[in-house]
Amino acid sequence: MNEPAALRRARIAAMLAFATNGALPATLLARYAEVKAGLGLDAGLFGLVAGAYMVGAACAFHLPGIILRRIGMRATAAFGTTWVGLSVVAAATGVVIGSPWLFAIGMACAGLGDAIVDVAQNAQGLRVQEAYGRSLLNSMHAGWSIGAAIGGAVGTLAATLGVPLLVHIGVWAVVCVASMAFSSLRFLPDLHGEPDDEAAAGSIGRRAIWLLLPLALVALAGISVEDVGNNWSAVLLSSERGMTLESAGIGLTVLLVAQFIGRLSGDRFIDAVGSRSALIVSLSLVVGGLLLAAWAPMAWLTIAGLAVAGIGCAVTVPIAFAEADALPGLKAHAGVTAINWMMRAATVGLTPAIGGITAVSALPVAISAIALVALVALLLQLRPARRRPASETPA
């Protein structure tokens, strides 16, 4: 590129966009205990209401790709984040006035906006990655992890200091909207001339679906590790390994730190061995780590298993997005949109499925079922006849 300084600014801007996207919803999650009390709901009902976020995200369908092709990555990221900010403020207002319905509607709208912004920022990340000619998307996803940690810390601090929920969420929404607006101005421009005619790519055809499904399983395997960590690691360590409730949260912390390290080093790993080999290694770590966590007889081995799974899942979603974006014959951003939707739609039922299996059997069995998803994704990557990944195609 003729302007390396502009390219460096675009890379920093993309990382800031990922961080902002992680920071905005995470700050509300940190105050969920207060939210639950404010809404006056028991654990079961609160779980259903809070699940509106993922339902809203799953309802995006092909909308992110359509919006991106209409108004471009910059406007989609900026206006989408504004939508998410307003939606989260509406959800916080529902808490203040004690309305579960307003909270659920706000969270559903926030999830819808998040799905759109997620595709836009990944499209920009892939655009920057292409301009550099080497893998960079994993480090940008690491930026999301940093942003989520900062958002959670701000939420925890606000709760500790007694800052009213609506004030905290309103101010943080303004900060995040301004951050995304600033970063999007430095995005690389959209490429023009991508296939957009009905004959070439009017819809995702059967061949494309067969190519997308293995990638969707890769993304699902990665996001499932996060779900196990977020919702079940503390339960596993306390109920199955005898750890106290106060210390059982260490499992999630270790998993997230391992994932962050994996994302920081993931780009160099992919450049060194290629995306296919990186997926085979990563999915193998996910399978082994989850099975170790599920069946290890001691708490420290369970925590080690969570760490291995965290490292393994680090590159799965970025590679799935990059591979989907490179599929030939699709409209611009259609592959990323499809993987994003498949992943989010599957996660709507993921936690209830784990809970259901646990209810009729045991939590280790449920976690082993999640490992089975990763195993299927791994076996599909081991097929001899496979399209050459974009990251291994000569420029």
Protein backbone atom coordinates (compact mmCIF):
# COMPACT_ATOMS: atom_id res chain seq x y z
CA MET A 1 0.00 0.00 0.00
CA ASN A 2 1.25 3.50 -0.88
CA GLU A 3 0.46 4.95 2.55
CA PRO A 4 1.89 2.67 5.27
CA ALA A 5 1.00 5.23 7.94
CA ALA A 6 -2.67 5.05 6.89
CA LEU A 7 -2.46 1.26 7.01
CA ARG A 8 -1.00 1.32 10.52
CA ARG A 9 -3.77 3.69 11.61
CA ALA A 10 -6.35 1.36 10.11
CA ARG A 11 -4.91 -1.59 12.02
CA ILE A 12 -5.02 0.32 15.31
CA ALA A 13 -8.54 1.55 14.48
CA ALA A 14 -9.74 -2.00 13.84
CA MET A 15 -8.31 -3.18 17.16
CA LEU A 16 -9.98 -0.24 18.92
CA ALA A 17 -13.27 -1.15 17.24
CA PHE A 18 -13.02 -4.72 18.53
CA ALA A 19 -12.17 -3.48 22.02
CA THR A 20 -15.12 -1.07 21.97
CA ASN A 21 -17.48 -3.80 20.84
CA GLY A 22 -16.38 -5.98 23.75
CA ALA A 23 -16.49 -3.17 26.30
CA LEU A 24 -20.04 -1.94 25.71
CA PRO A 25 -22.19 -4.97 26.68
CA ALA A 26 -19.67 -6.36 29.21
CA THR A 27 -20.13 -3.41 31.54
CA LEU A 28 -23.80 -4.34 32.03
CA LEU A 29 -22.99 -8.02 32.49
CA ALA A 30 -20.79 -7.09 35.45
CA ARG A 31 -23.89 -5.76 37.24
CA TYR A 32 -26.19 -8.68 36.47
CA ALA A 33 -26.68 -9.53 40.14
CA GLU A 34 -28.05 -6.02 40.65
CA VAL A 35 -30.10 -6.32 37.45
CA LYS A 36 -31.66 -9.57 38.63
CA ALA A 37 -32.60 -8.03 41.96
CA GLY A 38 -33.99 -4.91 40.31
CA LEU A 39 -36.24 -6.94 38.04
CA GLY A 40 -37.42 -9.13 40.91
CA LEU A 41 -36.99 -12.37 38.97
CA ASP A 42 -35.91 -15.80 40.12
CA ALA A 43 -32.91 -17.45 38.49
CA GLY A 44 -34.92 -19.36 35.90
CA LEU A 45 -36.92 -16.39 34.65
CA PHE A 46 -33.90 -14.13 34.68
CA GLY A 47 -32.02 -16.62 32.52
CA LEU A 48 -34.82 -16.53 29.97
CA VAL A 49 -34.98 -12.73 29.96
CA ALA A 50 -31.21 -12.29 29.72
CA GLY A 51 -31.19 -14.80 26.84
CA ALA A 52 -33.02 -12.21 24.74
CA TYR A 53 -29.60 -10.82 23.78
CA MET A 54 -28.62 -13.99 21.92
CA VAL A 55 -32.10 -14.34 20.44
CA GLY A 56 -31.83 -10.83 19.04
CA ALA A 57 -28.40 -11.62 17.61
CA ALA A 58 -29.71 -14.79 15.97
CA CYS A 59 -32.54 -12.80 14.36
CA ALA A 60 -30.03 -10.79 12.33
CA PHE A 61 -29.95 -13.48 9.60
CA HIS A 62 -28.48 -11.89 6.42
CA LEU A 63 -29.06 -8.33 7.61
CA PRO A 64 -25.39 -7.55 8.45
CA GLY A 65 -24.21 -8.35 4.93
CA ILE A 66 -27.03 -6.39 3.35
CA ILE A 67 -26.31 -3.31 5.47
CA LEU A 68 -22.58 -3.54 4.83
CA ARG A 69 -23.10 -3.63 1.08
CA ARG A 70 -25.47 -0.67 1.29
CA ILE A 71 -23.59 1.77 3.53
CA GLY A 72 -20.11 0.28 4.01
CA MET A 73 -18.05 -0.85 6.99
CA ARG A 74 -17.42 2.58 8.48
CA ALA A 75 -21.06 3.66 8.73
CA THR A 76 -22.23 0.20 9.76
CA ALA A 77 -19.79 0.06 12.69
CA ALA A 78 -20.54 3.62 13.84
CA PHE A 79 -24.34 3.57 13.52
CA GLY A 80 -24.54 -0.03 14.71
CA THR A 81 -22.68 0.83 17.91
CA THR A 82 -25.01 3.79 18.44
CA TRP A 83 -27.93 1.37 18.13
CA VAL A 84 -26.33 -1.00 20.65
CA GLY A 85 -25.66 1.88 23.06
CA LEU A 86 -29.26 3.11 22.92
CA SER A 87 -30.54 -0.45 23.33
CA VAL A 88 -28.39 -1.11 26.40
CA VAL A 89 -29.60 2.18 27.91
CA ALA A 90 -33.19 1.04 27.25
CA ALA A 91 -32.43 -2.27 28.99
CA ALA A 92 -30.98 -0.40 32.00
CA THR A 93 -34.09 1.78 32.07
CA GLY A 94 -36.15 -1.40 32.27
CA VAL A 95 -34.18 -2.41 35.34
CA VAL A 96 -34.69 0.98 37.00
CA ILE A 97 -38.46 0.94 36.48
CA GLY A 98 -38.71 -2.79 37.23
CA SER A 99 -39.92 -3.82 33.76
CA PRO A 100 -38.61 -7.22 32.60
CA TRP A 101 -40.27 -6.63 29.22
CA LEU A 102 -38.36 -3.40 28.53
CA PHE A 103 -35.15 -5.04 29.70
CA ALA A 104 -35.72 -8.02 27.37
CA ILE A 105 -36.59 -5.80 24.40
CA GLY A 106 -33.52 -3.65 25.02
CA MET A 107 -31.27 -6.70 25.26
CA ALA A 108 -32.77 -8.24 22.10
CA CYS A 109 -32.18 -5.01 20.18
CA ALA A 110 -28.64 -4.82 21.57
CA GLY A 111 -27.97 -8.37 20.41
CA LEU A 112 -29.26 -7.57 16.94
CA GLY A 113 -27.00 -4.51 16.72
CA ASP A 114 -24.04 -6.43 18.09
CA ALA A 115 -24.37 -9.06 15.35
CA ILE A 116 -24.29 -6.32 12.72
CA VAL A 117 -21.31 -4.51 14.25
CA ASP A 118 -19.48 -7.81 14.70
CA VAL A 119 -19.65 -8.57 10.99
CA ALA A 120 -18.58 -5.01 10.13
CA GLN A 121 -15.51 -5.08 12.39
CA ASN A 122 -14.49 -8.55 11.20
CA ALA A 123 -14.89 -7.40 7.59
CA GLN A 124 -12.60 -4.46 8.33
CA GLY A 125 -10.16 -6.73 10.16
CA LEU A 126 -10.02 -9.01 7.13
CA ARG A 127 -9.57 -5.97 4.87
CA VAL A 128 -6.58 -4.83 6.95
CA GLN A 129 -5.23 -8.38 7.09
CA GLU A 130 -5.40 -8.62 3.30
CA ALA A 131 -3.59 -5.29 2.91
CA TYR A 132 -0.79 -6.48 5.21
CA GLY A 133 -0.55 -9.85 3.51
CA ARG A 134 -0.31 -11.79 6.76
CA SER A 135 -2.56 -13.01 9.55
CA LEU A 136 -3.75 -10.27 11.92
CA LEU A 137 -7.35 -11.07 12.80
CA ASN A 138 -6.49 -13.05 15.93
CA SER A 139 -4.75 -10.08 17.55
CA MET A 140 -7.85 -8.00 16.83
CA HIS A 141 -10.01 -10.57 18.60
CA ALA A 142 -7.54 -10.25 21.48
CA GLY A 143 -8.48 -6.57 21.46
CA TRP A 144 -12.10 -7.64 21.98
CA SER A 145 -11.01 -9.64 25.03
CA ILE A 146 -9.21 -6.60 26.45
CA GLY A 147 -12.26 -4.42 25.84
CA ALA A 148 -14.58 -6.90 27.53
CA ALA A 149 -12.26 -7.04 30.54
CA ILE A 150 -12.18 -3.22 30.74
CA GLY A 151 -15.95 -2.98 30.41
CA GLY A 152 -16.42 -5.56 33.14
CA ALA A 153 -13.97 -3.78 35.39
CA VAL A 154 -15.76 -0.46 34.86
CA GLY A 155 -19.07 -2.10 35.70
CA THR A 156 -17.67 -3.68 38.84
CA LEU A 157 -16.12 -0.38 39.93
CA ALA A 158 -19.36 1.50 39.27
CA ALA A 159 -21.31 -1.01 41.34
CA THR A 160 -18.76 -0.83 44.16
CA LEU A 161 -18.93 2.97 44.24
CA GLY A 162 -22.71 2.93 44.16
CA VAL A 163 -23.03 4.71 40.81
CA PRO A 164 -26.69 4.47 39.69
CA LEU A 165 -27.08 1.85 36.97
CA LEU A 166 -28.67 4.16 34.41
CA VAL A 167 -25.99 6.85 34.92
CA HIS A 168 -23.20 4.29 34.58
CA ILE A 169 -24.66 2.66 31.45
CA GLY A 170 -25.55 6.00 29.85
CA VAL A 171 -22.08 7.49 30.30
CA TRP A 172 -20.33 4.30 29.20
CA ALA A 173 -22.55 4.06 26.11
CA VAL A 174 -21.56 7.60 25.11
CA VAL A 175 -17.87 6.75 25.60
CA CYS A 176 -18.15 3.59 23.48
CA VAL A 177 -20.18 5.25 20.71
CA ALA A 178 -17.60 8.04 20.50
CA SER A 179 -14.76 5.49 20.47
CA MET A 180 -16.31 3.55 17.58
CA ALA A 181 -17.07 6.73 15.64
CA PHE A 182 -13.43 7.82 16.04
CA SER A 183 -11.99 4.46 15.01
CA SER A 184 -14.34 3.93 12.06
CA LEU A 185 -13.11 7.18 10.45
CA ARG A 186 -9.72 5.49 10.09
CA PHE A 187 -11.03 2.26 8.57
CA LEU A 188 -9.73 1.24 5.17
CA PRO A 189 -12.36 1.93 2.50
CA ASP A 190 -14.58 -0.85 1.20
CA LEU A 191 -13.36 -2.69 -1.86
CA HIS A 192 -15.56 -2.27 -4.90
CA GLY A 193 -16.29 -4.67 -7.67
CA GLU A 194 -16.98 -7.76 -5.56
CA PRO A 195 -19.46 -10.22 -7.09
CA ASP A 196 -22.89 -8.80 -6.52
CA ASP A 197 -25.03 -10.04 -9.37
CA GLU A 198 -27.80 -12.53 -8.89
CA ALA A 199 -26.29 -15.01 -11.35
CA ALA A 200 -22.99 -15.17 -9.51
CA ALA A 201 -24.17 -14.97 -5.93
CA GLY A 202 -27.82 -14.12 -5.57
CA SER A 203 -28.04 -16.45 -2.59
CA ILE A 204 -25.82 -18.89 -0.79
CA GLY A 205 -26.01 -21.98 -2.98
CA ARG A 206 -25.76 -25.62 -2.00
CA ARG A 207 -22.03 -25.85 -2.77
CA ALA A 208 -21.34 -22.81 -0.62
CA ILE A 209 -23.43 -24.24 2.21
CA TRP A 210 -21.36 -27.43 2.18
CA LEU A 211 -18.22 -25.31 2.40
CA LEU A 212 -19.67 -23.09 5.13
CA LEU A 213 -20.98 -25.84 7.41
CA PRO A 214 -17.55 -27.19 8.43
CA LEU A 215 -16.45 -23.61 9.13
CA ALA A 216 -19.60 -23.03 11.18
CA LEU A 217 -18.72 -26.10 13.26
CA VAL A 218 -15.22 -24.69 13.78
CA ALA A 219 -16.68 -21.40 15.01
CA LEU A 220 -19.21 -23.23 17.20
CA ALA A 221 -16.45 -25.36 18.73
CA GLY A 222 -14.62 -22.19 19.69
CA ILE A 223 -17.59 -20.30 21.08
CA SER A 224 -18.73 -23.40 23.00
CA VAL A 225 -15.53 -23.32 25.04
CA GLU A 226 -16.39 -19.76 26.06
CA ASP A 227 -19.91 -20.86 27.04
CA VAL A 228 -18.55 -23.70 29.16
CA GLY A 229 -16.20 -21.26 30.87
CA ASN A 230 -18.75 -18.49 31.37
CA ASN A 231 -21.65 -20.56 32.60
CA TRP A 232 -20.39 -23.94 33.82
CA SER A 233 -16.73 -23.84 34.90
CA ALA A 234 -17.51 -22.57 38.40
CA VAL A 235 -20.33 -25.11 38.75
CA LEU A 236 -18.01 -27.90 37.62
CA LEU A 237 -15.25 -26.95 40.05
CA SER A 238 -17.59 -26.49 43.00
CA SER A 239 -20.02 -29.38 42.50
CA GLU A 240 -17.69 -31.97 40.97
CA ARG A 241 -14.24 -31.06 42.31
CA GLY A 242 -15.06 -29.77 45.79
CA MET A 243 -13.80 -26.20 45.44
CA THR A 244 -15.50 -23.48 47.45
CA LEU A 245 -17.93 -21.14 45.69
CA GLU A 246 -15.63 -18.20 46.42
CA SER A 247 -12.65 -19.79 44.63
CA ALA A 248 -14.45 -21.67 41.84
CA GLY A 249 -14.37 -18.65 39.56
CA ILE A 250 -10.66 -19.22 38.96
CA GLY A 251 -11.54 -21.65 36.19
CA LEU A 252 -13.08 -18.93 34.03
CA THR A 253 -10.21 -16.56 34.74
CA VAL A 254 -7.62 -19.13 33.68
CA LEU A 255 -9.58 -20.01 30.54
CA LEU A 256 -9.90 -16.37 29.46
CA VAL A 257 -6.24 -15.61 30.14
CA ALA A 258 -5.24 -18.68 28.12
CA GLN A 259 -7.53 -17.62 25.28
CA PHE A 260 -6.05 -14.12 25.32
CA ILE A 261 -2.51 -15.51 25.12
CA GLY A 262 -3.58 -17.79 22.28
CA ARG A 263 -5.03 -14.86 20.35
CA LEU A 264 -1.90 -12.76 20.82
CA SER A 265 0.29 -15.54 19.44
CA GLY A 266 -2.26 -16.97 16.99
CA ASP A 267 -1.34 -14.83 14.00
CA ARG A 268 2.31 -15.88 14.09
CA PHE A 269 1.24 -19.49 14.51
CA ILE A 270 -1.05 -19.35 11.47
CA ASP A 271 1.59 -17.65 9.34
CA ALA A 272 4.10 -20.34 10.33
CA VAL A 273 2.01 -23.48 9.72
CA GLY A 274 -0.97 -22.38 7.60
CA SER A 275 -4.61 -22.08 8.57
CA ARG A 276 -5.51 -25.76 8.06
CA SER A 277 -2.71 -27.06 10.27
CA ALA A 278 -3.49 -24.36 12.82
CA LEU A 279 -7.10 -25.52 12.95
CA ILE A 280 -6.13 -29.16 13.35
CA VAL A 281 -3.86 -28.34 16.29
CA SER A 282 -6.36 -25.92 17.84
CA LEU A 283 -9.35 -28.24 17.58
CA SER A 284 -7.26 -31.09 18.99
CA LEU A 285 -6.46 -28.90 22.00
CA VAL A 286 -10.14 -28.05 22.42
CA VAL A 287 -11.17 -31.71 22.38
CA GLY A 288 -8.40 -32.78 24.74
CA GLY A 289 -8.81 -29.81 27.05
CA LEU A 290 -12.57 -30.20 27.43
CA LEU A 291 -12.32 -33.95 28.06
CA LEU A 292 -9.58 -33.37 30.63
CA ALA A 293 -11.67 -30.70 32.34
CA ALA A 294 -14.74 -32.94 32.32
CA TRP A 295 -13.18 -36.09 33.75
CA ALA A 296 -10.04 -35.09 35.64
CA PRO A 297 -10.29 -36.32 39.25
CA MET A 298 -8.55 -33.27 40.74
CA ALA A 299 -9.39 -29.57 40.60
CA TRP A 300 -5.96 -28.48 39.36
CA LEU A 301 -6.18 -30.88 36.42
CA THR A 302 -9.65 -29.57 35.61
CA ILE A 303 -8.28 -26.02 35.60
CA ALA A 304 -5.40 -27.18 33.38
CA GLY A 305 -7.94 -28.68 30.98
CA LEU A 306 -9.82 -25.38 30.83
CA ALA A 307 -6.54 -23.59 30.06
CA VAL A 308 -5.74 -26.01 27.22
CA ALA A 309 -9.24 -25.57 25.78
CA GLY A 310 -8.88 -21.79 26.09
CA ILE A 311 -5.66 -21.76 24.10
CA GLY A 312 -7.17 -24.11 21.55
CA CYS A 313 -10.30 -22.05 20.92
CA ALA A 314 -8.38 -18.80 20.46
CA VAL A 315 -7.93 -18.97 16.68
CA THR A 316 -11.02 -20.95 15.69
CA VAL A 317 -13.49 -18.11 15.14
CA PRO A 318 -11.02 -15.77 13.36
CA ILE A 319 -9.97 -18.55 10.97
CA ALA A 320 -13.59 -19.50 10.31
CA PHE A 321 -14.39 -15.89 9.42
CA ALA A 322 -11.32 -15.55 7.17
CA GLU A 323 -12.04 -18.80 5.34
CA ALA A 324 -15.72 -17.93 4.87
CA ASP A 325 -14.86 -14.48 3.56
CA ALA A 326 -12.61 -16.05 0.90
CA LEU A 327 -15.23 -18.41 -0.53
CA PRO A 328 -15.70 -17.65 -4.24
CA GLY A 329 -19.00 -16.67 -5.83
CA LEU A 330 -20.62 -15.05 -2.80
CA LYS A 331 -21.73 -11.47 -2.34
CA ALA A 332 -19.36 -9.28 -0.37
CA HIS A 333 -19.42 -10.17 3.34
CA ALA A 334 -21.98 -12.97 2.77
CA GLY A 335 -19.64 -15.69 4.05
CA VAL A 336 -18.76 -13.82 7.26
CA THR A 337 -22.44 -12.99 7.79
CA ALA A 338 -23.45 -16.63 7.36
CA ILE A 339 -20.86 -17.96 9.81
CA ASN A 340 -21.72 -15.23 12.31
CA TRP A 341 -25.41 -16.10 12.14
CA MET A 342 -24.90 -19.88 12.31
CA MET A 343 -22.65 -19.47 15.35
CA ARG A 344 -25.02 -17.12 17.18
CA ALA A 345 -28.12 -19.16 16.33
CA ALA A 346 -26.50 -22.29 17.71
CA THR A 347 -25.47 -20.58 20.94
CA VAL A 348 -29.11 -19.69 21.71
CA GLY A 349 -29.70 -23.30 22.67
CA LEU A 350 -26.21 -24.15 23.86
CA THR A 351 -26.54 -23.38 27.58
CA PRO A 352 -30.05 -24.91 27.83
CA ALA A 353 -28.71 -28.02 26.08
CA ILE A 354 -25.84 -28.35 28.55
CA GLY A 355 -28.29 -27.84 31.40
CA GLY A 356 -30.66 -30.44 29.98
CA ILE A 357 -27.94 -33.06 29.59
CA THR A 358 -26.72 -32.30 33.11
CA ALA A 359 -30.23 -32.72 34.50
CA VAL A 360 -30.63 -36.23 33.07
CA SER A 361 -26.99 -37.31 33.41
CA ALA A 362 -24.07 -35.25 34.75
CA LEU A 363 -22.14 -32.10 33.90
CA PRO A 364 -19.02 -34.00 32.75
CA VAL A 365 -21.21 -35.84 30.24
CA ALA A 366 -22.60 -32.52 28.96
CA ILE A 367 -19.11 -31.05 28.56
CA SER A 368 -18.04 -34.21 26.74
CA ALA A 369 -20.91 -33.63 24.32
CA ILE A 370 -19.47 -30.18 23.60
CA ALA A 371 -16.09 -31.83 23.00
CA LEU A 372 -17.84 -34.07 20.47
CA VAL A 373 -18.79 -31.00 18.43
CA ALA A 374 -15.14 -29.98 18.30
CA LEU A 375 -14.18 -33.55 17.39
CA VAL A 376 -16.56 -33.54 14.40
CA ALA A 377 -15.12 -30.20 13.31
CA LEU A 378 -11.62 -31.68 13.63
CA LEU A 379 -12.48 -34.76 11.56
CA LEU A 380 -13.89 -32.55 8.81
CA GLN A 381 -10.60 -30.63 8.72
CA LEU A 382 -8.73 -33.91 8.29
CA ARG A 383 -10.52 -34.74 5.04
CA PRO A 384 -8.00 -35.11 2.19
CA ALA A 385 -10.05 -33.26 -0.42
CA ARG A 386 -10.43 -29.75 0.84
CA ARG A 387 -10.44 -26.30 -0.75
CA ARG A 388 -7.14 -24.52 -0.33
CA PRO A 389 -7.47 -21.93 2.45
CA ALA A 390 -7.17 -18.29 1.49
CA SER A 391 -4.26 -17.77 3.87
CA GLU A 392 -2.29 -20.47 1.98
CA THR A 393 -3.11 -19.17 -1.51
CA PRO A 394 -0.26 -17.31 -3.24
CA ALA A 395 -0.87 -13.60 -3.66
